Structure formats: structure tokens, C-alpha cells
PDB file of N, CA and C in Angstrom:
ATOM      1  N   VAL A   1      -0.336  -5.730  -0.544  1.00  0.00           N
ATOM      2  CA  VAL A   1       0.232  -5.110   1.036  1.00  0.00           C
ATOM      3  C   VAL A   1       1.409  -6.046   1.224  1.00  0.00           C
ATOM      4  N   GLN A   2       2.432  -5.074   1.868  1.00  0.00           N
ATOM      5  CA  GLN A   2       3.727  -5.855   2.442  1.00  0.00           C
ATOM      6  C   GLN A   2       3.927  -5.306   3.752  1.00  0.00           C
ATOM      7  N   LEU A   3       4.513  -6.152   4.392  1.00  0.00           N
ATOM      8  CA  LEU A   3       4.587  -5.928   5.996  1.00  0.00           C
ATOM      9  C   LEU A   3       6.059  -5.886   6.237  1.00  0.00           C
ATOM     10  N   GLN A   4       6.645  -5.337   7.147  1.00  0.00           N
ATOM     11  CA  GLN A   4       8.283  -5.463   7.103  1.00  0.00           C
ATOM     12  C   GLN A   4       8.484  -5.363   8.860  1.00  0.00           C
ATOM     13  N   ALA A   5       8.362  -6.506   9.406  1.00  0.00           N
ATOM     14  CA  ALA A   5       8.434  -6.384  10.920  1.00  0.00           C
ATOM     15  C   ALA A   5      10.222  -6.219  11.316  1.00  0.00           C
ATOM     16  N   TYR A   6      10.527  -5.552  12.495  1.00  0.00           N
ATOM     17  CA  TYR A   6      11.729  -5.356  13.012  1.00  0.00           C
ATOM     18  C   TYR A   6      11.653  -4.891  14.514  1.00  0.00           C
ATOM     19  N   GLY A   7      12.864  -5.084  15.076  1.00  0.00           N
ATOM     20  CA  GLY A   7      13.053  -4.823  16.378  1.00  0.00           C
ATOM     21  C   GLY A   7      13.447  -5.669  17.161  1.00  0.00           C
ATOM     22  N   GLY A   8      13.220  -6.899  16.642  1.00  0.00           N
ATOM     23  CA  GLY A   8      13.590  -8.177  17.938  1.00  0.00           C
ATOM     24  C   GLY A   8      14.869  -8.136  18.308  1.00  0.00           C
ATOM     25  N   GLY A   9      15.175  -9.097  19.021  1.00  0.00           N
ATOM     26  CA  GLY A   9      16.726  -9.360  19.440  1.00  0.00           C
ATOM     27  C   GLY A   9      16.838  -9.980  20.791  1.00  0.00           C
ATOM     28  N   LEU A  10      17.940 -10.140  21.265  1.00  0.00           N
ATOM     29  CA  LEU A  10      18.154 -10.807  22.454  1.00  0.00           C
ATOM     30  C   LEU A  10      18.180  -9.723  23.566  1.00  0.00           C
ATOM     31  N   VAL A  11      17.501 -10.190  24.631  1.00  0.00           N
ATOM     32  CA  VAL A  11      17.421  -9.279  25.989  1.00  0.00           C
ATOM     33  C   VAL A  11      17.579 -10.003  27.019  1.00  0.00           C
ATOM     34  N   GLN A  12      17.627  -9.194  28.098  1.00  0.00           N
ATOM     35  CA  GLN A  12      17.432 -10.222  29.434  1.00  0.00           C
ATOM     36  C   GLN A  12      16.004 -10.110  30.080  1.00  0.00           C
ATOM     37  N   ALA A  13      15.809 -11.114  30.988  1.00  0.00           N
ATOM     38  CA  ALA A  13      14.476 -11.002  31.806  1.00  0.00           C
ATOM     39  C   ALA A  13      14.304  -9.522  32.492  1.00  0.00           C
ATOM     40  N   GLY A  14      13.108  -9.277  32.362  1.00  0.00           N
ATOM     41  CA  GLY A  14      12.726  -7.670  32.807  1.00  0.00           C
ATOM     42  C   GLY A  14      13.060  -6.739  31.840  1.00  0.00           C
ATOM     43  N   ASP A  15      14.072  -7.183  30.695  1.00  0.00           N
ATOM     44  CA  ASP A  15      13.919  -5.881  29.937  1.00  0.00           C
ATOM     45  C   ASP A  15      12.530  -5.362  29.158  1.00  0.00           C
ATOM     46  N   SER A  16      13.053  -4.162  28.468  1.00  0.00           N
ATOM     47  CA  SER A  16      11.742  -3.837  27.389  1.00  0.00           C
ATOM     48  C   SER A  16      12.077  -3.769  26.215  1.00  0.00           C
ATOM     49  N   LEU A  17      11.213  -3.851  25.008  1.00  0.00           N
ATOM     50  CA  LEU A  17      11.661  -3.813  23.713  1.00  0.00           C
ATOM     51  C   LEU A  17      10.319  -3.381  23.099  1.00  0.00           C
ATOM     52  N   ARG A  18      10.495  -2.760  21.782  1.00  0.00           N
ATOM     53  CA  ARG A  18       9.607  -2.168  20.969  1.00  0.00           C
ATOM     54  C   ARG A  18       9.876  -2.864  19.724  1.00  0.00           C
ATOM     55  N   LEU A  19       8.657  -3.506  19.180  1.00  0.00           N
ATOM     56  CA  LEU A  19       8.885  -4.021  17.905  1.00  0.00           C
ATOM     57  C   LEU A  19       8.025  -2.754  16.817  1.00  0.00           C
ATOM     58  N   SER A  20       8.371  -3.023  15.456  1.00  0.00           N
ATOM     59  CA  SER A  20       7.828  -2.281  14.749  1.00  0.00           C
ATOM     60  C   SER A  20       7.103  -2.954  13.352  1.00  0.00           C
ATOM     61  N   CYS A  21       6.539  -2.380  12.861  1.00  0.00           N
ATOM     62  CA  CYS A  21       6.138  -2.852  11.608  1.00  0.00           C
ATOM     63  C   CYS A  21       5.876  -2.266  10.578  1.00  0.00           C
ATOM     64  N   ALA A  22       6.618  -1.866   9.468  1.00  0.00           N
ATOM     65  CA  ALA A  22       6.115  -0.820   8.597  1.00  0.00           C
ATOM     66  C   ALA A  22       5.171  -1.680   7.341  1.00  0.00           C
ATOM     67  N   VAL A  23       4.290  -0.744   6.868  1.00  0.00           N
ATOM     68  CA  VAL A  23       3.476  -1.169   5.962  1.00  0.00           C
ATOM     69  C   VAL A  23       3.623  -0.593   4.579  1.00  0.00           C
ATOM     70  N   SER A  24       3.398  -1.246   3.559  1.00  0.00           N
ATOM     71  CA  SER A  24       3.494  -0.369   2.276  1.00  0.00           C
ATOM     72  C   SER A  24       2.381  -1.084   1.481  1.00  0.00           C
ATOM     73  N   GLY A  25       1.892  -0.356   0.231  1.00  0.00           N
ATOM     74  CA  GLY A  25       1.072  -1.147  -0.603  1.00  0.00           C
ATOM     75  C   GLY A  25      -0.377  -0.722  -0.619  1.00  0.00           C
ATOM     76  N   ASP A  26      -0.878  -0.133   0.386  1.00  0.00           N
ATOM     77  CA  ASP A  26      -2.334   0.494   0.396  1.00  0.00           C
ATOM     78  C   ASP A  26      -2.449   1.425   1.613  1.00  0.00           C
ATOM     79  N   ASP A  27      -3.721   1.655   1.886  1.00  0.00           N
ATOM     80  CA  ASP A  27      -4.083   2.770   2.557  1.00  0.00           C
ATOM     81  C   ASP A  27      -3.884   2.119   3.996  1.00  0.00           C
ATOM     82  N   PHE A  28      -2.708   2.162   4.826  1.00  0.00           N
ATOM     83  CA  PHE A  28      -2.658   1.553   5.730  1.00  0.00           C
ATOM     84  C   PHE A  28      -3.669   1.839   7.306  1.00  0.00           C
ATOM     85  N   SER A  29      -4.323   3.144   7.022  1.00  0.00           N
ATOM     86  CA  SER A  29      -5.325   3.628   7.814  1.00  0.00           C
ATOM     87  C   SER A  29      -6.501   2.737   7.977  1.00  0.00           C
ATOM     88  N   ARG A  30      -6.765   2.299   6.854  1.00  0.00           N
ATOM     89  CA  ARG A  30      -8.250   1.165   6.943  1.00  0.00           C
ATOM     90  C   ARG A  30      -7.869  -0.222   7.322  1.00  0.00           C
ATOM     91  N   TYR A  31      -6.567  -0.425   7.817  1.00  0.00           N
ATOM     92  CA  TYR A  31      -6.406  -1.838   8.186  1.00  0.00           C
ATOM     93  C   TYR A  31      -6.236  -2.160   9.463  1.00  0.00           C
ATOM     94  N   ASP A  32      -7.054  -3.340  10.039  1.00  0.00           N
ATOM     95  CA  ASP A  32      -6.791  -3.589  11.300  1.00  0.00           C
ATOM     96  C   ASP A  32      -5.340  -4.188  11.272  1.00  0.00           C
ATOM     97  N   MET A  33      -4.513  -3.985  12.599  1.00  0.00           N
ATOM     98  CA  MET A  33      -3.156  -4.493  12.463  1.00  0.00           C
ATOM     99  C   MET A  33      -3.193  -5.664  13.802  1.00  0.00           C
ATOM    100  N   GLY A  34      -2.612  -6.555  13.713  1.00  0.00           N
ATOM    101  CA  GLY A  34      -2.324  -7.563  14.578  1.00  0.00           C
ATOM    102  C   GLY A  34      -0.997  -8.068  15.020  1.00  0.00           C
ATOM    103  N   TRP A  35      -0.365  -8.409  16.381  1.00  0.00           N
ATOM    104  CA  TRP A  35       0.805  -9.045  16.480  1.00  0.00           C
ATOM    105  C   TRP A  35       0.714 -10.348  16.886  1.00  0.00           C
ATOM    106  N   PHE A  36       1.247 -11.105  16.428  1.00  0.00           N
ATOM    107  CA  PHE A  36       1.016 -12.835  16.679  1.00  0.00           C
ATOM    108  C   PHE A  36       2.531 -13.344  17.220  1.00  0.00           C
ATOM    109  N   ARG A  37       2.619 -14.421  17.654  1.00  0.00           N
ATOM    110  CA  ARG A  37       3.873 -14.812  18.112  1.00  0.00           C
ATOM    111  C   ARG A  37       3.874 -16.198  18.009  1.00  0.00           C
ATOM    112  N   GLN A  38       4.860 -16.849  17.591  1.00  0.00           N
ATOM    113  CA  GLN A  38       5.102 -18.433  17.735  1.00  0.00           C
ATOM    114  C   GLN A  38       6.262 -18.982  17.986  1.00  0.00           C
ATOM    115  N   ALA A  39       6.141 -19.772  19.463  1.00  0.00           N
ATOM    116  CA  ALA A  39       7.363 -20.268  19.921  1.00  0.00           C
ATOM    117  C   ALA A  39       7.666 -21.479  19.261  1.00  0.00           C
ATOM    118  N   PRO A  40       9.127 -22.211  19.444  1.00  0.00           N
ATOM    119  CA  PRO A  40       9.430 -23.446  19.198  1.00  0.00           C
ATOM    120  C   PRO A  40       8.391 -24.482  19.453  1.00  0.00           C
ATOM    121  N   GLY A  41       7.954 -25.429  18.584  1.00  0.00           N
ATOM    122  CA  GLY A  41       6.942 -26.416  18.906  1.00  0.00           C
ATOM    123  C   GLY A  41       5.755 -25.883  19.252  1.00  0.00           C
ATOM    124  N   LYS A  42       5.357 -24.772  19.218  1.00  0.00           N
ATOM    125  CA  LYS A  42       4.010 -24.130  19.616  1.00  0.00           C
ATOM    126  C   LYS A  42       3.449 -23.759  18.685  1.00  0.00           C
ATOM    127  N   GLU A  43       1.916 -23.672  18.503  1.00  0.00           N
ATOM    128  CA  GLU A  43       1.195 -22.780  17.657  1.00  0.00           C
ATOM    129  C   GLU A  43       1.386 -21.347  17.589  1.00  0.00           C
ATOM    130  N   ARG A  44       1.021 -20.609  16.649  1.00  0.00           N
ATOM    131  CA  ARG A  44       0.874 -19.285  16.601  1.00  0.00           C
ATOM    132  C   ARG A  44      -0.284 -18.643  17.496  1.00  0.00           C
ATOM    133  N   GLU A  45       0.160 -17.762  18.170  1.00  0.00           N
ATOM    134  CA  GLU A  45      -0.831 -17.069  18.970  1.00  0.00           C
ATOM    135  C   GLU A  45      -0.907 -15.561  19.089  1.00  0.00           C
ATOM    136  N   PHE A  46      -2.202 -15.418  19.403  1.00  0.00           N
ATOM    137  CA  PHE A  46      -2.384 -13.811  19.216  1.00  0.00           C
ATOM    138  C   PHE A  46      -1.641 -13.328  20.630  1.00  0.00           C
ATOM    139  N   VAL A  47      -1.143 -11.974  20.311  1.00  0.00           N
ATOM    140  CA  VAL A  47      -0.538 -11.228  21.115  1.00  0.00           C
ATOM    141  C   VAL A  47      -1.527  -9.818  21.549  1.00  0.00           C
ATOM    142  N   ALA A  48      -1.486  -9.243  20.421  1.00  0.00           N
ATOM    143  CA  ALA A  48      -2.355  -7.801  20.422  1.00  0.00           C
ATOM    144  C   ALA A  48      -2.915  -7.516  19.111  1.00  0.00           C
ATOM    145  N   ALA A  49      -3.601  -6.232  18.806  1.00  0.00           N
ATOM    146  CA  ALA A  49      -4.321  -5.958  18.010  1.00  0.00           C
ATOM    147  C   ALA A  49      -4.713  -4.349  18.109  1.00  0.00           C
ATOM    148  N   ILE A  50      -5.012  -3.654  16.941  1.00  0.00           N
ATOM    149  CA  ILE A  50      -5.545  -2.474  16.886  1.00  0.00           C
ATOM    150  C   ILE A  50      -6.226  -2.355  15.710  1.00  0.00           C
ATOM    151  N   ARG A  51      -7.180  -1.529  16.201  1.00  0.00           N
ATOM    152  CA  ARG A  51      -8.392  -1.517  14.969  1.00  0.00           C
ATOM    153  C   ARG A  51      -7.698  -0.331  14.044  1.00  0.00           C
ATOM    154  N   ALA A  52      -8.444  -0.346  12.974  1.00  0.00           N
ATOM    155  CA  ALA A  52      -8.235   0.699  11.915  1.00  0.00           C
ATOM    156  C   ALA A  52      -8.560   2.148  12.691  1.00  0.00           C
ATOM    157  N   TRP A  53      -7.757   3.447  12.302  1.00  0.00           N
ATOM    158  CA  TRP A  53      -7.744   4.508  13.164  1.00  0.00           C
ATOM    159  C   TRP A  53      -8.104   4.405  14.948  1.00  0.00           C
ATOM    160  N   SER A  54      -6.964   3.524  15.268  1.00  0.00           N
ATOM    161  CA  SER A  54      -6.962   3.248  16.522  1.00  0.00           C
ATOM    162  C   SER A  54      -8.425   3.192  17.421  1.00  0.00           C
ATOM    163  N   THR A  55      -9.391   2.661  16.764  1.00  0.00           N
ATOM    164  CA  THR A  55     -10.712   2.581  17.489  1.00  0.00           C
ATOM    165  C   THR A  55     -10.745   1.498  18.353  1.00  0.00           C
ATOM    166  N   GLY A  56      -9.821   0.845  18.642  1.00  0.00           N
ATOM    167  CA  GLY A  56      -9.957  -0.310  19.592  1.00  0.00           C
ATOM    168  C   GLY A  56      -8.537  -1.017  19.728  1.00  0.00           C
ATOM    169  N   THR A  57      -8.387  -1.354  20.986  1.00  0.00           N
ATOM    170  CA  THR A  57      -7.224  -2.367  21.081  1.00  0.00           C
ATOM    171  C   THR A  57      -7.279  -3.311  21.843  1.00  0.00           C
ATOM    172  N   TYR A  58      -6.650  -4.258  21.721  1.00  0.00           N
ATOM    173  CA  TYR A  58      -7.035  -5.902  21.962  1.00  0.00           C
ATOM    174  C   TYR A  58      -5.492  -6.559  22.539  1.00  0.00           C
ATOM    175  N   TYR A  59      -5.701  -7.233  23.576  1.00  0.00           N
ATOM    176  CA  TYR A  59      -4.550  -8.118  24.225  1.00  0.00           C
ATOM    177  C   TYR A  59      -4.791  -9.500  24.832  1.00  0.00           C
ATOM    178  N   ALA A  60      -3.823 -10.250  24.189  1.00  0.00           N
ATOM    179  CA  ALA A  60      -4.061 -11.497  25.186  1.00  0.00           C
ATOM    180  C   ALA A  60      -3.859 -11.382  26.348  1.00  0.00           C
ATOM    181  N   ASP A  61      -4.475 -12.309  27.422  1.00  0.00           N
ATOM    182  CA  ASP A  61      -4.410 -12.309  28.612  1.00  0.00           C
ATOM    183  C   ASP A  61      -2.705 -12.392  29.430  1.00  0.00           C
ATOM    184  N   SER A  62      -2.126 -13.072  28.590  1.00  0.00           N
ATOM    185  CA  SER A  62      -0.800 -13.472  28.610  1.00  0.00           C
ATOM    186  C   SER A  62       0.412 -11.937  28.831  1.00  0.00           C
ATOM    187  N   VAL A  63      -0.046 -11.190  27.936  1.00  0.00           N
ATOM    188  CA  VAL A  63       0.627  -9.841  27.855  1.00  0.00           C
ATOM    189  C   VAL A  63      -0.094  -8.702  28.274  1.00  0.00           C
ATOM    190  N   LYS A  64      -1.244  -8.871  28.944  1.00  0.00           N
ATOM    191  CA  LYS A  64      -2.234  -7.549  29.080  1.00  0.00           C
ATOM    192  C   LYS A  64      -1.404  -7.061  30.588  1.00  0.00           C
ATOM    193  N   GLY A  65      -1.294  -5.562  30.240  1.00  0.00           N
ATOM    194  CA  GLY A  65      -0.524  -4.792  31.394  1.00  0.00           C
ATOM    195  C   GLY A  65       0.936  -4.726  31.190  1.00  0.00           C
ATOM    196  N   ARG A  66       1.405  -5.427  30.175  1.00  0.00           N
ATOM    197  CA  ARG A  66       2.906  -5.655  29.873  1.00  0.00           C
ATOM    198  C   ARG A  66       3.029  -5.117  28.655  1.00  0.00           C
ATOM    199  N   CYS A  67       2.205  -5.063  27.542  1.00  0.00           N
ATOM    200  CA  CYS A  67       2.496  -4.511  26.262  1.00  0.00           C
ATOM    201  C   CYS A  67       1.337  -3.523  25.748  1.00  0.00           C
ATOM    202  N   THR A  68       1.794  -2.595  25.091  1.00  0.00           N
ATOM    203  CA  THR A  68       1.071  -1.395  24.382  1.00  0.00           C
ATOM    204  C   THR A  68       1.246  -1.562  22.794  1.00  0.00           C
ATOM    205  N   ILE A  69       0.203  -1.921  22.074  1.00  0.00           N
ATOM    206  CA  ILE A  69       0.247  -1.609  20.792  1.00  0.00           C
ATOM    207  C   ILE A  69      -0.377  -0.206  20.403  1.00  0.00           C
ATOM    208  N   SER A  70       0.359   0.297  19.580  1.00  0.00           N
ATOM    209  CA  SER A  70      -0.211   1.552  18.800  1.00  0.00           C
ATOM    210  C   SER A  70       0.079   1.609  17.531  1.00  0.00           C
ATOM    211  N   ARG A  71      -0.427   2.574  16.690  1.00  0.00           N
ATOM    212  CA  ARG A  71       0.048   2.704  15.443  1.00  0.00           C
ATOM    213  C   ARG A  71       0.200   4.215  14.860  1.00  0.00           C
ATOM    214  N   ASP A  72       0.848   4.770  13.727  1.00  0.00           N
ATOM    215  CA  ASP A  72       0.952   5.787  13.360  1.00  0.00           C
ATOM    216  C   ASP A  72       0.758   5.813  11.862  1.00  0.00           C
ATOM    217  N   ASN A  73      -0.426   6.249  11.276  1.00  0.00           N
ATOM    218  CA  ASN A  73      -0.926   6.183  10.223  1.00  0.00           C
ATOM    219  C   ASN A  73      -0.218   6.993   9.224  1.00  0.00           C
ATOM    220  N   GLY A  74       0.468   8.150   9.789  1.00  0.00           N
ATOM    221  CA  GLY A  74       1.249   8.964   9.077  1.00  0.00           C
ATOM    222  C   GLY A  74       2.555   8.511   8.563  1.00  0.00           C
ATOM    223  N   LYS A  75       2.921   7.290   9.630  1.00  0.00           N
ATOM    224  CA  LYS A  75       4.146   6.722   9.199  1.00  0.00           C
ATOM    225  C   LYS A  75       3.968   5.245   8.597  1.00  0.00           C
ATOM    226  N   ASN A  76       2.559   4.927   8.761  1.00  0.00           N
ATOM    227  CA  ASN A  76       2.387   3.612   8.093  1.00  0.00           C
ATOM    228  C   ASN A  76       2.870   2.328   8.882  1.00  0.00           C
ATOM    229  N   THR A  77       2.914   2.535  10.267  1.00  0.00           N
ATOM    230  CA  THR A  77       3.751   1.971  11.219  1.00  0.00           C
ATOM    231  C   THR A  77       2.799   1.398  12.340  1.00  0.00           C
ATOM    232  N   VAL A  78       3.142   0.142  12.643  1.00  0.00           N
ATOM    233  CA  VAL A  78       2.435  -0.207  14.023  1.00  0.00           C
ATOM    234  C   VAL A  78       3.343  -0.643  14.984  1.00  0.00           C
ATOM    235  N   TYR A  79       3.277  -0.520  16.327  1.00  0.00           N
ATOM    236  CA  TYR A  79       4.402  -0.820  17.126  1.00  0.00           C
ATOM    237  C   TYR A  79       3.849  -1.630  18.231  1.00  0.00           C
ATOM    238  N   LEU A  80       4.611  -2.492  18.769  1.00  0.00           N
ATOM    239  CA  LEU A  80       4.325  -3.633  20.047  1.00  0.00           C
ATOM    240  C   LEU A  80       5.547  -3.061  21.199  1.00  0.00           C
ATOM    241  N   GLN A  81       4.974  -2.314  22.093  1.00  0.00           N
ATOM    242  CA  GLN A  81       5.811  -2.170  23.218  1.00  0.00           C
ATOM    243  C   GLN A  81       5.742  -3.195  24.221  1.00  0.00           C
ATOM    244  N   MET A  82       6.725  -3.664  24.720  1.00  0.00           N
ATOM    245  CA  MET A  82       6.578  -4.808  25.536  1.00  0.00           C
ATOM    246  C   MET A  82       7.753  -4.589  26.815  1.00  0.00           C
ATOM    247  N   HIS A  83       7.047  -4.358  27.706  1.00  0.00           N
ATOM    248  CA  HIS A  83       7.991  -4.242  29.290  1.00  0.00           C
ATOM    249  C   HIS A  83       7.815  -5.819  30.115  1.00  0.00           C
ATOM    250  N   GLY A  84       8.746  -5.988  30.966  1.00  0.00           N
ATOM    251  CA  GLY A  84       8.865  -7.194  31.926  1.00  0.00           C
ATOM    252  C   GLY A  84       8.759  -8.220  30.956  1.00  0.00           C
ATOM    253  N   LEU A  85       9.862  -8.641  30.217  1.00  0.00           N
ATOM    254  CA  LEU A  85       9.863  -9.277  29.257  1.00  0.00           C
ATOM    255  C   LEU A  85      10.444 -10.894  30.351  1.00  0.00           C
ATOM    256  N   GLY A  86       9.912 -11.889  29.897  1.00  0.00           N
ATOM    257  CA  GLY A  86      10.589 -13.092  30.573  1.00  0.00           C
ATOM    258  C   GLY A  86      10.557 -14.291  29.287  1.00  0.00           C
ATOM    259  N   PRO A  87      11.190 -15.226  29.817  1.00  0.00           N
ATOM    260  CA  PRO A  87      11.634 -16.431  28.830  1.00  0.00           C
ATOM    261  C   PRO A  87      10.425 -17.014  28.067  1.00  0.00           C
ATOM    262  N   GLU A  88       9.350 -16.724  28.768  1.00  0.00           N
ATOM    263  CA  GLU A  88       8.058 -17.096  28.140  1.00  0.00           C
ATOM    264  C   GLU A  88       7.539 -16.363  27.023  1.00  0.00           C
ATOM    265  N   ASP A  89       8.303 -15.047  26.750  1.00  0.00           N
ATOM    266  CA  ASP A  89       8.004 -14.302  25.596  1.00  0.00           C
ATOM    267  C   ASP A  89       8.894 -14.683  24.527  1.00  0.00           C
ATOM    268  N   THR A  90       9.946 -15.309  24.760  1.00  0.00           N
ATOM    269  CA  THR A  90      10.515 -15.868  23.562  1.00  0.00           C
ATOM    270  C   THR A  90       9.727 -16.562  22.182  1.00  0.00           C
ATOM    271  N   ALA A  91       9.841 -15.773  21.123  1.00  0.00           N
ATOM    272  CA  ALA A  91       9.296 -16.255  20.189  1.00  0.00           C
ATOM    273  C   ALA A  91       9.607 -15.613  18.772  1.00  0.00           C
ATOM    274  N   VAL A  92       9.257 -16.185  17.731  1.00  0.00           N
ATOM    275  CA  VAL A  92       9.066 -15.179  16.436  1.00  0.00           C
ATOM    276  C   VAL A  92       7.857 -14.546  16.446  1.00  0.00           C
ATOM    277  N   TYR A  93       7.826 -12.930  16.353  1.00  0.00           N
ATOM    278  CA  TYR A  93       6.819 -12.107  16.442  1.00  0.00           C
ATOM    279  C   TYR A  93       6.588 -11.776  15.034  1.00  0.00           C
ATOM    280  N   TYR A  94       4.836 -11.797  14.646  1.00  0.00           N
ATOM    281  CA  TYR A  94       4.530 -11.572  13.228  1.00  0.00           C
ATOM    282  C   TYR A  94       3.769 -10.368  13.325  1.00  0.00           C
ATOM    283  N   CYS A  95       3.683  -9.767  12.338  1.00  0.00           N
ATOM    284  CA  CYS A  95       2.979  -8.473  12.308  1.00  0.00           C
ATOM    285  C   CYS A  95       1.791  -8.925  11.233  1.00  0.00           C
ATOM    286  N   ALA A  96       0.700  -8.547  11.519  1.00  0.00           N
ATOM    287  CA  ALA A  96      -0.493  -8.778  10.374  1.00  0.00           C
ATOM    288  C   ALA A  96      -1.422  -7.809  10.275  1.00  0.00           C
ATOM    289  N   ALA A  97      -2.049  -7.874   9.043  1.00  0.00           N
ATOM    290  CA  ALA A  97      -2.898  -6.897   8.376  1.00  0.00           C
ATOM    291  C   ALA A  97      -4.174  -7.711   7.871  1.00  0.00           C
ATOM    292  N   LYS A  98      -5.283  -6.776   8.347  1.00  0.00           N
ATOM    293  CA  LYS A  98      -6.604  -7.394   7.063  1.00  0.00           C
ATOM    294  C   LYS A  98      -7.448  -6.044   6.986  1.00  0.00           C
ATOM    295  N   PRO A  99      -8.319  -6.007   6.068  1.00  0.00           N
ATOM    296  CA  PRO A  99      -9.196  -5.119   6.027  1.00  0.00           C
ATOM    297  C   PRO A  99     -10.123  -4.986   7.320  1.00  0.00           C
ATOM    298  N   SER A 100     -10.464  -3.647   7.833  1.00  0.00           N
ATOM    299  CA  SER A 100     -11.116  -3.384   9.189  1.00  0.00           C
ATOM    300  C   SER A 100     -12.358  -4.141   9.294  1.00  0.00           C
ATOM    301  N   GLY A 101     -12.844  -4.821  10.463  1.00  0.00           N
ATOM    302  CA  GLY A 101     -13.951  -5.202  10.729  1.00  0.00           C
ATOM    303  C   GLY A 101     -13.963  -6.732  11.110  1.00  0.00           C
ATOM    304  N   TYR A 102     -14.599  -7.090  11.840  1.00  0.00           N
ATOM    305  CA  TYR A 102     -14.904  -8.730  12.233  1.00  0.00           C
ATOM    306  C   TYR A 102     -13.538  -8.993  13.132  1.00  0.00           C
ATOM    307  N   ARG A 103     -13.204 -10.160  13.526  1.00  0.00           N
ATOM    308  CA  ARG A 103     -12.434 -10.442  14.404  1.00  0.00           C
ATOM    309  C   ARG A 103     -10.991 -10.105  14.321  1.00  0.00           C
ATOM    310  N   VAL A 104     -10.452  -9.614  15.286  1.00  0.00           N
ATOM    311  CA  VAL A 104      -9.098  -9.165  15.400  1.00  0.00           C
ATOM    312  C   VAL A 104      -7.996 -10.146  16.126  1.00  0.00           C
ATOM    313  N   VAL A 105      -8.614 -11.185  16.895  1.00  0.00           N
ATOM    314  CA  VAL A 105      -7.563 -12.014  17.860  1.00  0.00           C
ATOM    315  C   VAL A 105      -7.450 -13.204  16.972  1.00  0.00           C
ATOM    316  N   VAL A 106      -7.919 -13.595  15.971  1.00  0.00           N
ATOM    317  CA  VAL A 106      -8.107 -15.062  14.987  1.00  0.00           C
ATOM    318  C   VAL A 106      -7.099 -14.784  14.083  1.00  0.00           C
ATOM    319  N   ALA A 107      -5.839 -15.761  13.778  1.00  0.00           N
ATOM    320  CA  ALA A 107      -4.857 -15.334  12.908  1.00  0.00           C
ATOM    321  C   ALA A 107      -5.532 -15.711  11.371  1.00  0.00           C
ATOM    322  N   ILE A 108      -6.361 -16.539  11.315  1.00  0.00           N
ATOM    323  CA  ILE A 108      -6.944 -16.790   9.906  1.00  0.00           C
ATOM    324  C   ILE A 108      -7.826 -15.694   9.295  1.00  0.00           C
ATOM    325  N   GLU A 109      -7.842 -14.935  10.139  1.00  0.00           N
ATOM    326  CA  GLU A 109      -8.837 -13.522   9.605  1.00  0.00           C
ATOM    327  C   GLU A 109      -7.705 -12.647   9.033  1.00  0.00           C
ATOM    328  N   TYR A 110      -6.512 -12.628   9.102  1.00  0.00           N
ATOM    329  CA  TYR A 110      -5.538 -11.830   8.668  1.00  0.00           C
ATOM    330  C   TYR A 110      -5.136 -12.065   7.357  1.00  0.00           C
ATOM    331  N   GLU A 111      -5.158 -11.307   6.363  1.00  0.00           N
ATOM    332  CA  GLU A 111      -4.762 -11.460   4.971  1.00  0.00           C
ATOM    333  C   GLU A 111      -3.269 -11.187   4.525  1.00  0.00           C
ATOM    334  N   TYR A 112      -2.735 -10.307   5.484  1.00  0.00           N
ATOM    335  CA  TYR A 112      -0.978 -10.202   5.120  1.00  0.00           C
ATOM    336  C   TYR A 112      -0.345 -10.149   6.272  1.00  0.00           C
ATOM    337  N   TRP A 113       0.764 -11.030   5.733  1.00  0.00           N
ATOM    338  CA  TRP A 113       1.564 -11.264   7.259  1.00  0.00           C
ATOM    339  C   TRP A 113       3.111 -10.789   6.957  1.00  0.00           C
ATOM    340  N   GLY A 114       3.854 -10.350   7.628  1.00  0.00           N
ATOM    341  CA  GLY A 114       5.130  -9.909   7.564  1.00  0.00           C
ATOM    342  C   GLY A 114       6.260 -11.026   8.110  1.00  0.00           C
ATOM    343  N   GLN A 115       7.308 -10.903   7.825  1.00  0.00           N
ATOM    344  CA  GLN A 115       8.408 -12.089   7.771  1.00  0.00           C
ATOM    345  C   GLN A 115       8.647 -12.628   9.034  1.00  0.00           C
ATOM    346  N   GLY A 116       8.112 -11.919  10.246  1.00  0.00           N
ATOM    347  CA  GLY A 116       8.421 -12.205  11.630  1.00  0.00           C
ATOM    348  C   GLY A 116      10.194 -11.687  12.113  1.00  0.00           C
ATOM    349  N   THR A 117       9.757 -11.198  13.481  1.00  0.00           N
ATOM    350  CA  THR A 117      11.196 -10.799  14.047  1.00  0.00           C
ATOM    351  C   THR A 117      11.241 -11.823  15.166  1.00  0.00           C
ATOM    352  N   GLN A 118      12.741 -12.259  15.620  1.00  0.00           N
ATOM    353  CA  GLN A 118      12.836 -12.988  16.738  1.00  0.00           C
ATOM    354  C   GLN A 118      13.102 -12.298  17.953  1.00  0.00           C
ATOM    355  N   VAL A 119      12.303 -12.715  18.944  1.00  0.00           N
ATOM    356  CA  VAL A 119      12.526 -12.167  20.371  1.00  0.00           C
ATOM    357  C   VAL A 119      13.233 -13.289  21.080  1.00  0.00           C
ATOM    358  N   THR A 120      14.257 -12.982  21.823  1.00  0.00           N
ATOM    359  CA  THR A 120      14.638 -13.963  22.586  1.00  0.00           C
ATOM    360  C   THR A 120      15.118 -13.602  23.860  1.00  0.00           C
ATOM    361  N   VAL A 121      14.581 -14.071  25.288  1.00  0.00           N
ATOM    362  CA  VAL A 121      14.623 -13.255  26.207  1.00  0.00           C
ATOM    363  C   VAL A 121      15.502 -14.361  27.293  1.00  0.00           C
ATOM    364  N   SER A 122      16.439 -13.868  27.647  1.00  0.00           N
ATOM    365  CA  SER A 122      17.321 -14.875  28.562  1.00  0.00           C
ATOM    366  C   SER A 122      17.311 -14.571  30.068  1.00  0.00           C
ATOM    367  N   ASN A 123      17.143 -15.704  31.045  1.00  0.00           N
ATOM    368  CA  ASN A 123      17.265 -15.521  32.488  1.00  0.00           C
ATOM    369  C   ASN A 123      18.643 -14.625  32.849  1.00  0.00           C
TER     370      ASN A 123
END
């Protein structure tokens, strides 16, 4: 399974951004998908996840109400729509995939990772 994340960039505080992650190599619909981020000097942290067949979504408290995760199984793509971005959201954002089931908020549960896309939010 290969994951390609894109859509990051340099934005100003308060802006919106949509990240995308294209998946290839297997039946995308049977995978739980997650977004994680890692800021300089910090550990990778959970951002959002969506179950296979969109049967559930999960968000970190830090982004709840500002982010929406979605998937298009026809396009083998998962999205992370972010609003009201602030400097604290600056990080490399990674998409990840795992066979459906069990925990979705823990990075170690994910088997496949994309290369990351940089999001930088300036004041």
C-alpha cells in the first residue's frame, strides 16, 4: 500500500487548508485512515481518523470543531479540511492506513504511512 499526501503549504493565521492523501496498492475501502502531525521538537500526534466505509470519525481535542476528515472510496483518497489555522498547527502532516478494526488514535497501530506534507501557519 502506497500513500501520497499533498496539499500543505504556507498560510496565514485564520486561513483554511485541505490536505489530501491518495492511496494505491490495495482495496482502499477496507482501511481505516488517519492523519497525524509532527511539529519540530515534538512527538508525532494524532489529528483525525476515519473508519473504513466512513463508519466513524475521530478527532483530537486540539482540532475538534476546526477540522473535518472525509474519504472518497471511489477516488482512493482521504481528505483533511482544516479551518481557523493557527501557528500551533504548524507541522508536517502524515496520512496513515491500517486494516479496519481496533484503535485509530494510536500511531503504532498504523501499518502504512505517507511521506508527509508541510503545513506552516504564520501570524
